[in-house]
Amino acid sequence: MIRVLVPLADGFEEIEAVSIIDILRRGGIEVITASLGQNLSIKGAHGVVMMAEVEITAVATEALDMVVLPGGWDGTLALRDDANVQRMLKEMDKKGKFIGAICAAPLALERAGVLKHNYTCYPTIEQQIREDGFSDNEMVVEDGNVLTSRGPATAICFGLEIVKKLCGEEKYLEVKSALLATYCE
């Protein structure tokens, strides 16, 4: 079973987190949602509350195929500043495992030193990362083992690209067709 961790922090972008989790599960991927602390009830940027399944300290990178970070400004800052998230990102990268981030969350990848040269993110966030290598022409950018995406409206395409990367073209096309996501390329 393919396993993906989606860490959730207060202030996460709901559309991104829910879309990614839903699409990956439609693709047959086991998604683990984790809180950064003991409180499993996480409040999103727009007041939607989600229940994480476990605390992040209960998740071992050895058991994961990928870590995907949703954006949302406050959530991103929490992921960027969390020692466990930073450690996991570094461990995943060192092992060549996949890492993903959407919206502002590439900031957390930059802090961990795992963001590759080519990336995308929410407009203006590149000014806090670096403009060299930034693309605002693509919904999803892949560079090495890292996939990045722009924001809420690109979350479905981002989730589909993750399915393609982890499960293959056939599963990607199956999920994409069922979602009517003809705009994702």
Protein backbone atom coordinates (compact mmCIF):
# COMPACT_ATOMS: atom_id res chain seq x y z
CA MET A 1 0.00 0.00 0.00
CA ILE A 2 1.29 3.44 -0.95
CA ARG A 3 1.27 5.81 2.04
CA VAL A 4 1.23 9.61 2.00
CA LEU A 5 1.38 11.90 5.01
CA VAL A 6 -0.55 15.18 5.00
CA PRO A 7 0.38 17.21 8.09
CA LEU A 8 -2.28 19.67 9.20
CA ALA A 9 -1.68 22.84 11.21
CA ASP A 10 -4.14 25.49 12.33
CA GLY A 11 -4.67 27.88 9.44
CA PHE A 12 -4.32 25.26 6.68
CA GLU A 13 -6.05 25.97 3.36
CA GLU A 14 -9.12 23.75 3.42
CA ILE A 15 -9.62 23.39 -0.34
CA GLU A 16 -6.04 22.23 -0.77
CA ALA A 17 -5.97 19.76 2.11
CA VAL A 18 -9.37 18.19 1.40
CA SER A 19 -8.84 18.02 -2.38
CA ILE A 20 -5.45 16.37 -2.02
CA ILE A 21 -6.63 13.88 0.61
CA ASP A 22 -9.77 13.01 -1.37
CA ILE A 23 -8.04 12.58 -4.74
CA LEU A 24 -5.23 10.46 -3.32
CA ARG A 25 -7.73 8.20 -1.59
CA ARG A 26 -9.72 7.89 -4.84
CA GLY A 27 -6.44 6.71 -6.35
CA GLY A 28 -6.16 3.95 -3.75
CA ILE A 29 -3.45 5.67 -1.72
CA GLU A 30 -3.49 5.46 2.06
CA VAL A 31 -3.45 9.03 3.36
CA ILE A 32 -2.44 9.71 6.95
CA THR A 33 -3.46 13.07 8.37
CA ALA A 34 -1.35 14.24 11.28
CA SER A 35 -1.53 17.12 13.72
CA LEU A 36 1.61 18.92 14.84
CA GLY A 37 0.66 18.53 18.50
CA GLN A 38 -1.63 16.59 20.82
CA ASN A 39 -4.81 18.34 19.68
CA LEU A 40 -6.15 16.35 16.73
CA SER A 41 -8.82 18.98 15.98
CA ILE A 42 -7.30 21.39 13.45
CA LYS A 43 -9.03 24.60 12.38
CA GLY A 44 -8.53 25.72 8.79
CA ALA A 45 -7.98 29.24 7.51
CA HIS A 46 -11.70 29.66 6.82
CA GLY A 47 -13.07 28.04 9.97
CA VAL A 48 -13.50 24.46 8.72
CA VAL A 49 -12.38 22.01 11.41
CA MET A 50 -10.78 18.70 10.47
CA MET A 51 -9.79 15.84 12.73
CA ALA A 52 -6.29 14.55 12.16
CA GLU A 53 -5.84 10.81 12.61
CA VAL A 54 -2.57 10.87 14.56
CA GLU A 55 0.08 13.16 16.00
CA ILE A 56 3.00 13.68 13.66
CA THR A 57 5.38 12.13 16.22
CA ALA A 58 3.58 8.79 15.69
CA VAL A 59 4.55 8.68 12.00
CA ALA A 60 7.85 7.20 10.80
CA THR A 61 9.26 8.33 7.46
CA GLU A 62 10.28 4.73 6.73
CA ALA A 63 6.58 3.89 6.38
CA LEU A 64 5.88 6.73 3.93
CA ASP A 65 6.17 7.12 0.17
CA MET A 66 5.48 10.86 0.21
CA VAL A 67 4.80 13.88 2.41
CA VAL A 68 2.45 16.57 1.01
CA LEU A 69 2.05 19.97 2.64
CA PRO A 70 -1.13 21.99 2.12
CA GLY A 71 -0.83 25.77 2.15
CA GLY A 72 -2.71 28.45 3.99
CA TRP A 73 -0.59 31.21 5.49
CA ASP A 74 -0.78 30.37 9.22
CA GLY A 75 -0.63 26.65 8.48
CA THR A 76 2.42 27.14 6.28
CA LEU A 77 4.25 29.11 8.95
CA ALA A 78 3.51 26.37 11.48
CA LEU A 79 4.80 23.67 9.09
CA ARG A 80 7.86 25.78 8.31
CA ASP A 81 8.65 26.23 11.99
CA ASP A 82 7.83 22.71 13.23
CA ALA A 83 10.94 20.66 14.05
CA ASN A 84 9.20 17.33 13.28
CA VAL A 85 7.99 18.47 9.85
CA GLN A 86 11.43 19.85 9.01
CA ARG A 87 13.13 16.62 10.12
CA MET A 88 10.72 14.49 8.09
CA LEU A 89 11.19 16.57 4.95
CA LYS A 90 14.97 16.23 5.22
CA GLU A 91 14.72 12.46 5.83
CA MET A 92 12.35 11.99 2.88
CA ASP A 93 14.63 13.97 0.59
CA LYS A 94 17.76 12.15 1.71
CA LYS A 95 16.06 8.84 0.86
CA GLY A 96 14.88 10.18 -2.52
CA LYS A 97 11.23 9.85 -1.50
CA PHE A 98 8.61 12.20 -2.90
CA ILE A 99 7.73 15.54 -1.32
CA GLY A 100 4.91 17.89 -2.32
CA ALA A 101 3.80 21.39 -1.34
CA ILE A 102 1.11 23.73 -2.61
CA CYS A 103 0.35 27.44 -2.27
CA ALA A 104 2.59 29.03 0.39
CA ALA A 105 3.89 25.67 1.67
CA PRO A 106 7.02 25.65 -0.53
CA LEU A 107 8.30 28.04 2.17
CA ALA A 108 8.50 25.01 4.47
CA LEU A 109 10.42 23.08 1.81
CA GLU A 110 12.84 25.99 1.39
CA ARG A 111 13.44 26.11 5.16
CA ALA A 112 14.24 22.38 5.14
CA GLY A 113 16.61 22.81 2.21
CA VAL A 114 14.70 20.32 0.04
CA LEU A 115 13.07 22.66 -2.50
CA LYS A 116 14.69 22.03 -5.86
CA HIS A 117 15.54 24.69 -8.44
CA ASN A 118 12.27 24.62 -10.41
CA TYR A 119 9.07 25.22 -8.46
CA THR A 120 5.80 27.09 -8.28
CA CYS A 121 3.80 28.53 -5.40
CA TYR A 122 1.15 31.09 -4.59
CA PRO A 123 1.94 34.41 -6.32
CA THR A 124 4.21 36.68 -4.21
CA ILE A 125 5.49 33.81 -2.05
CA GLU A 126 8.37 33.36 -4.50
CA GLN A 127 9.65 36.72 -3.25
CA GLN A 128 10.25 35.07 0.13
CA ILE A 129 11.91 32.03 -1.44
CA ARG A 130 13.73 33.06 -4.63
CA GLU A 131 12.61 34.13 -8.06
CA ASP A 132 15.19 32.02 -9.88
CA GLY A 133 13.49 28.78 -10.87
CA PHE A 134 9.98 30.05 -10.08
CA SER A 135 7.25 29.43 -12.67
CA ASP A 136 3.82 30.99 -12.73
CA ASN A 137 2.91 29.32 -16.04
CA GLU A 138 2.22 25.80 -14.76
CA MET A 139 -0.31 24.40 -12.28
CA VAL A 140 2.18 21.78 -11.09
CA VAL A 141 5.97 21.81 -11.33
CA GLU A 142 8.05 18.68 -10.81
CA ASP A 143 11.79 18.87 -10.16
CA GLY A 144 13.46 15.68 -9.02
CA ASN A 145 11.50 14.20 -6.13
CA VAL A 146 9.62 17.45 -5.39
CA LEU A 147 6.20 18.48 -6.76
CA THR A 148 4.82 21.97 -6.14
CA SER A 149 1.57 23.65 -7.07
CA ARG A 150 0.15 27.17 -7.08
CA GLY A 151 -2.92 27.33 -4.83
CA PRO A 152 -6.54 26.41 -4.11
CA ALA A 153 -7.69 26.33 -7.75
CA THR A 154 -4.83 24.00 -8.74
CA ALA A 155 -5.33 21.53 -5.87
CA ILE A 156 -7.26 18.98 -7.95
CA CYS A 157 -4.62 18.95 -10.68
CA PHE A 158 -1.91 18.70 -8.01
CA GLY A 159 -3.62 15.70 -6.42
CA LEU A 160 -3.96 14.07 -9.82
CA GLU A 161 -0.26 14.58 -10.59
CA ILE A 162 0.58 12.91 -7.29
CA VAL A 163 -1.65 9.97 -8.22
CA LYS A 164 0.12 9.74 -11.59
CA LYS A 165 3.55 9.84 -9.92
CA LEU A 166 2.74 7.22 -7.28
CA CYS A 167 0.21 4.98 -9.06
CA GLY A 168 0.86 5.38 -12.78
CA GLU A 169 -0.85 6.76 -15.87
CA GLU A 170 -3.78 4.32 -15.88
CA LYS A 171 -4.92 5.16 -12.34
CA TYR A 172 -4.35 8.87 -13.04
CA LEU A 173 -6.59 8.76 -16.12
CA GLU A 174 -9.25 6.77 -14.26
CA VAL A 175 -9.45 9.26 -11.37
CA LYS A 176 -9.16 12.28 -13.69
CA SER A 177 -12.03 11.00 -15.85
CA ALA A 178 -14.25 10.30 -12.84
CA LEU A 179 -13.63 13.83 -11.53
CA LEU A 180 -14.32 15.42 -14.95
CA ALA A 181 -11.01 17.24 -14.51
CA THR A 182 -10.42 17.77 -18.23
CA TYR A 183 -8.64 21.07 -17.47
CA CYS A 184 -5.72 19.28 -15.76
CA GLU A 185 -2.84 18.57 -18.11
